[in-house]
Amino acid sequence: MSPFLKYTLARLGLFGLAALIMLTLPIDISVLLKLMIAVLVSAVLAFFLLKGLRDEASVSAVGMAERRAEKRERLRAALNGDDDGGEGATKSD
C-alpha cells in the first residue's frame, strides 16, 4: 500500500474518531463548531502519533521527485541528441 494512502487513511481515521467523540459529548455548542474542534484535535494528534507514517511518505515523495528529475534529464539529453544521456558532455554552438 502506498505510504501516502496509509497516511491519508490514518489522518481520516483520527478525524473520524475525534469527530465521533466531539459529537457524542453533551456540550451545548453547534455541530459545526464541534467538527472544527475535531479537525484541530486530530491535526495535533496526527502531528505526534503519525510521525513514522509522515516520514515514510516524505521519503517516498523525495524518491519520486528524484526519479522524475532523472527521467526529465534523460529526455532532455535524448532531445538534444546526446548519446551518453547528457552526462559529462556539453553542447557547444
N, C-alpha and C. Protein backbone atom coordinates (compact mmCIF):
# COMPACT_ATOMS: atom_id res chain seq x y z
N MET A 1 0.84 -1.17 0.00
CA MET A 1 0.00 0.00 0.00
C MET A 1 0.89 1.24 0.00
N SER A 2 0.48 2.23 -0.72
CA SER A 2 1.25 3.47 -0.85
C SER A 2 1.38 4.18 0.50
N PRO A 3 2.56 4.73 0.78
CA PRO A 3 2.73 5.47 2.03
C PRO A 3 1.78 6.67 2.14
N PHE A 4 1.48 7.29 0.99
CA PHE A 4 0.56 8.42 1.01
C PHE A 4 -0.85 7.97 1.39
N LEU A 5 -1.24 6.82 0.87
CA LEU A 5 -2.57 6.29 1.17
C LEU A 5 -2.66 5.88 2.64
N LYS A 6 -1.62 5.25 3.17
CA LYS A 6 -1.60 4.89 4.59
C LYS A 6 -1.75 6.13 5.47
N TYR A 7 -0.98 7.16 5.15
CA TYR A 7 -1.01 8.38 5.96
C TYR A 7 -2.37 9.06 5.86
N THR A 8 -2.92 9.11 4.66
CA THR A 8 -4.23 9.74 4.46
C THR A 8 -5.31 8.99 5.22
N LEU A 9 -5.30 7.67 5.14
CA LEU A 9 -6.30 6.88 5.86
C LEU A 9 -6.14 7.03 7.37
N ALA A 10 -4.91 7.12 7.84
CA ALA A 10 -4.68 7.32 9.27
C ALA A 10 -5.20 8.68 9.72
N ARG A 11 -4.95 9.71 8.89
CA ARG A 11 -5.46 11.05 9.23
C ARG A 11 -6.98 11.08 9.25
N LEU A 12 -7.59 10.43 8.25
CA LEU A 12 -9.06 10.38 8.22
C LEU A 12 -9.60 9.60 9.41
N GLY A 13 -8.92 8.53 9.79
CA GLY A 13 -9.34 7.76 10.95
C GLY A 13 -9.27 8.57 12.23
N LEU A 14 -8.19 9.33 12.39
CA LEU A 14 -8.07 10.19 13.57
C LEU A 14 -9.17 11.24 13.58
N PHE A 15 -9.45 11.83 12.42
CA PHE A 15 -10.51 12.83 12.37
C PHE A 15 -11.86 12.19 12.69
N GLY A 16 -12.12 11.02 12.12
CA GLY A 16 -13.39 10.34 12.39
C GLY A 16 -13.56 10.04 13.86
N LEU A 17 -12.51 9.57 14.50
CA LEU A 17 -12.57 9.27 15.94
C LEU A 17 -12.80 10.55 16.75
N ALA A 18 -12.06 11.60 16.42
CA ALA A 18 -12.22 12.87 17.14
C ALA A 18 -13.61 13.46 16.91
N ALA A 19 -14.12 13.35 15.68
CA ALA A 19 -15.46 13.87 15.39
C ALA A 19 -16.51 13.07 16.13
N LEU A 20 -16.36 11.76 16.18
CA LEU A 20 -17.31 10.92 16.89
C LEU A 20 -17.36 11.27 18.37
N ILE A 21 -16.18 11.45 18.94
CA ILE A 21 -16.12 11.82 20.37
C ILE A 21 -16.73 13.19 20.59
N MET A 22 -16.39 14.15 19.74
CA MET A 22 -16.93 15.51 19.92
C MET A 22 -18.44 15.55 19.74
N LEU A 23 -18.96 14.79 18.78
CA LEU A 23 -20.39 14.82 18.52
C LEU A 23 -21.20 14.11 19.60
N THR A 24 -20.58 13.18 20.31
CA THR A 24 -21.30 12.48 21.37
C THR A 24 -21.20 13.18 22.72
N LEU A 25 -20.32 14.13 22.85
CA LEU A 25 -20.21 14.87 24.11
C LEU A 25 -21.45 15.75 24.30
N PRO A 26 -22.00 15.76 25.50
CA PRO A 26 -23.20 16.58 25.73
C PRO A 26 -22.87 18.05 26.02
N ILE A 27 -22.19 18.67 25.09
CA ILE A 27 -21.84 20.10 25.21
C ILE A 27 -22.80 20.87 24.31
N ASP A 28 -23.30 21.98 24.81
CA ASP A 28 -24.29 22.75 24.07
C ASP A 28 -23.61 23.77 23.14
N ILE A 29 -22.97 23.25 22.08
CA ILE A 29 -22.42 24.11 21.02
C ILE A 29 -22.85 23.52 19.69
N SER A 30 -22.72 24.30 18.64
CA SER A 30 -23.20 23.86 17.33
C SER A 30 -22.36 22.69 16.80
N VAL A 31 -22.97 21.93 15.90
CA VAL A 31 -22.30 20.77 15.29
C VAL A 31 -21.08 21.23 14.49
N LEU A 32 -21.19 22.35 13.80
CA LEU A 32 -20.07 22.87 13.02
C LEU A 32 -18.87 23.19 13.91
N LEU A 33 -19.13 23.80 15.05
CA LEU A 33 -18.05 24.12 15.97
C LEU A 33 -17.41 22.85 16.53
N LYS A 34 -18.24 21.84 16.82
CA LYS A 34 -17.70 20.56 17.28
C LYS A 34 -16.80 19.93 16.22
N LEU A 35 -17.21 20.00 14.96
CA LEU A 35 -16.40 19.43 13.88
C LEU A 35 -15.11 20.22 13.69
N MET A 36 -15.17 21.53 13.85
CA MET A 36 -13.95 22.35 13.74
C MET A 36 -12.97 22.00 14.86
N ILE A 37 -13.49 21.77 16.06
CA ILE A 37 -12.64 21.36 17.17
C ILE A 37 -12.04 19.98 16.88
N ALA A 38 -12.84 19.10 16.28
CA ALA A 38 -12.35 17.76 15.92
C ALA A 38 -11.22 17.85 14.90
N VAL A 39 -11.32 18.78 13.96
CA VAL A 39 -10.24 18.97 12.98
C VAL A 39 -8.96 19.39 13.68
N LEU A 40 -9.06 20.33 14.60
CA LEU A 40 -7.88 20.80 15.32
C LEU A 40 -7.28 19.70 16.19
N VAL A 41 -8.12 18.99 16.90
CA VAL A 41 -7.63 17.92 17.77
C VAL A 41 -6.96 16.82 16.95
N SER A 42 -7.59 16.44 15.83
CA SER A 42 -7.00 15.38 15.01
C SER A 42 -5.68 15.84 14.38
N ALA A 43 -5.56 17.11 14.04
CA ALA A 43 -4.30 17.62 13.48
C ALA A 43 -3.19 17.55 14.51
N VAL A 44 -3.48 17.93 15.74
CA VAL A 44 -2.47 17.87 16.81
C VAL A 44 -2.09 16.43 17.10
N LEU A 45 -3.08 15.54 17.18
CA LEU A 45 -2.79 14.13 17.42
C LEU A 45 -1.97 13.53 16.28
N ALA A 46 -2.30 13.89 15.04
CA ALA A 46 -1.57 13.37 13.89
C ALA A 46 -0.12 13.83 13.91
N PHE A 47 0.11 15.04 14.37
CA PHE A 47 1.47 15.56 14.43
C PHE A 47 2.35 14.67 15.31
N PHE A 48 1.80 14.20 16.41
CA PHE A 48 2.57 13.38 17.34
C PHE A 48 2.48 11.87 17.04
N LEU A 49 1.29 11.40 16.70
CA LEU A 49 1.08 9.96 16.57
C LEU A 49 1.49 9.40 15.22
N LEU A 50 1.46 10.20 14.19
CA LEU A 50 1.70 9.69 12.83
C LEU A 50 3.05 10.12 12.27
N LYS A 51 4.01 10.38 13.14
CA LYS A 51 5.33 10.82 12.68
C LYS A 51 5.98 9.79 11.77
N GLY A 52 5.89 8.52 12.12
CA GLY A 52 6.51 7.48 11.31
C GLY A 52 5.90 7.40 9.91
N LEU A 53 4.58 7.45 9.84
CA LEU A 53 3.92 7.41 8.54
C LEU A 53 4.23 8.66 7.72
N ARG A 54 4.31 9.80 8.39
CA ARG A 54 4.61 11.05 7.69
C ARG A 54 6.03 11.01 7.13
N ASP A 55 6.97 10.48 7.91
CA ASP A 55 8.35 10.36 7.43
C ASP A 55 8.44 9.39 6.26
N GLU A 56 7.71 8.30 6.34
CA GLU A 56 7.69 7.31 5.26
C GLU A 56 7.15 7.93 3.97
N ALA A 57 6.08 8.71 4.08
CA ALA A 57 5.51 9.38 2.92
C ALA A 57 6.48 10.42 2.36
N SER A 58 7.18 11.09 3.24
CA SER A 58 8.16 12.09 2.81
C SER A 58 9.31 11.45 2.03
N VAL A 59 9.82 10.33 2.53
CA VAL A 59 10.89 9.63 1.84
C VAL A 59 10.42 9.17 0.47
N SER A 60 9.18 8.68 0.41
CA SER A 60 8.61 8.25 -0.86
C SER A 60 8.49 9.41 -1.84
N ALA A 61 8.08 10.57 -1.34
CA ALA A 61 7.94 11.75 -2.20
C ALA A 61 9.29 12.20 -2.74
N VAL A 62 10.31 12.17 -1.90
CA VAL A 62 11.65 12.56 -2.34
C VAL A 62 12.14 11.59 -3.41
N GLY A 63 11.91 10.31 -3.21
CA GLY A 63 12.33 9.32 -4.21
C GLY A 63 11.63 9.52 -5.54
N MET A 64 10.32 9.82 -5.49
CA MET A 64 9.59 10.06 -6.74
C MET A 64 10.11 11.31 -7.44
N ALA A 65 10.42 12.35 -6.67
CA ALA A 65 10.92 13.58 -7.27
C ALA A 65 12.28 13.35 -7.93
N GLU A 66 13.14 12.55 -7.28
CA GLU A 66 14.45 12.26 -7.87
C GLU A 66 14.30 11.45 -9.14
N ARG A 67 13.41 10.46 -9.14
CA ARG A 67 13.21 9.66 -10.35
C ARG A 67 12.66 10.52 -11.48
N ARG A 68 11.75 11.44 -11.17
CA ARG A 68 11.22 12.33 -12.20
C ARG A 68 12.30 13.23 -12.77
N ALA A 69 13.16 13.75 -11.89
CA ALA A 69 14.24 14.63 -12.35
C ALA A 69 15.21 13.86 -13.26
N GLU A 70 15.53 12.63 -12.88
CA GLU A 70 16.42 11.81 -13.73
C GLU A 70 15.77 11.51 -15.07
N LYS A 71 14.50 11.19 -15.04
CA LYS A 71 13.79 10.91 -16.30
C LYS A 71 13.73 12.15 -17.18
N ARG A 72 13.49 13.30 -16.56
CA ARG A 72 13.44 14.56 -17.31
C ARG A 72 14.80 14.87 -17.95
N GLU A 73 15.88 14.63 -17.20
CA GLU A 73 17.22 14.87 -17.74
C GLU A 73 17.54 13.92 -18.89
N ARG A 74 17.13 12.65 -18.77
CA ARG A 74 17.36 11.70 -19.87
C ARG A 74 16.58 12.12 -21.10
N LEU A 75 15.36 12.58 -20.91
CA LEU A 75 14.55 13.03 -22.03
C LEU A 75 15.17 14.27 -22.69
N ARG A 76 15.64 15.22 -21.89
CA ARG A 76 16.29 16.40 -22.45
C ARG A 76 17.54 16.01 -23.22
N ALA A 77 18.31 15.09 -22.67
CA ALA A 77 19.52 14.65 -23.35
C ALA A 77 19.18 13.98 -24.67
N ALA A 78 18.14 13.17 -24.67
CA ALA A 78 17.74 12.50 -25.90
C ALA A 78 17.25 13.51 -26.94
N LEU A 79 16.54 14.52 -26.49
CA LEU A 79 16.06 15.54 -27.43
C LEU A 79 17.19 16.41 -27.96
N ASN A 80 18.25 16.58 -27.17
CA ASN A 80 19.41 17.35 -27.61
C ASN A 80 20.35 16.52 -28.48
N GLY A 81 20.14 15.22 -28.53
CA GLY A 81 20.98 14.36 -29.35
C GLY A 81 22.20 13.85 -28.64
N ASP A 82 22.27 13.98 -27.33
CA ASP A 82 23.42 13.46 -26.57
C ASP A 82 23.29 11.95 -26.48
N ASP A 83 24.37 11.24 -26.85
CA ASP A 83 24.34 9.78 -26.81
C ASP A 83 24.52 9.23 -25.41
N ASP A 84 25.28 9.95 -24.56
CA ASP A 84 25.58 9.41 -23.23
C ASP A 84 24.57 9.87 -22.18
N GLY A 85 23.45 10.41 -22.58
CA GLY A 85 22.44 10.83 -21.62
C GLY A 85 22.71 12.19 -21.02
N GLY A 86 23.60 12.96 -21.59
CA GLY A 86 23.86 14.31 -21.10
C GLY A 86 24.86 14.37 -19.97
N GLU A 87 25.50 13.25 -19.62
CA GLU A 87 26.45 13.25 -18.53
C GLU A 87 27.85 13.53 -19.06
N GLY A 88 28.45 14.56 -18.57
CA GLY A 88 29.84 14.84 -18.92
C GLY A 88 30.03 15.62 -20.20
N ALA A 89 29.10 15.59 -21.09
CA ALA A 89 29.25 16.29 -22.36
C ALA A 89 28.48 17.59 -22.33
N THR A 90 29.08 18.60 -22.91
CA THR A 90 28.39 19.89 -23.02
C THR A 90 28.15 20.18 -24.48
N LYS A 91 27.05 20.80 -24.73
CA LYS A 91 26.70 21.14 -26.11
C LYS A 91 27.31 22.51 -26.44
N SER A 92 28.08 22.56 -27.51
CA SER A 92 28.70 23.83 -27.90
C SER A 92 28.11 24.27 -29.23
N ASP A 93 28.01 25.56 -29.42
CA ASP A 93 27.45 26.13 -30.68
C ASP A 93 28.53 26.40 -31.68
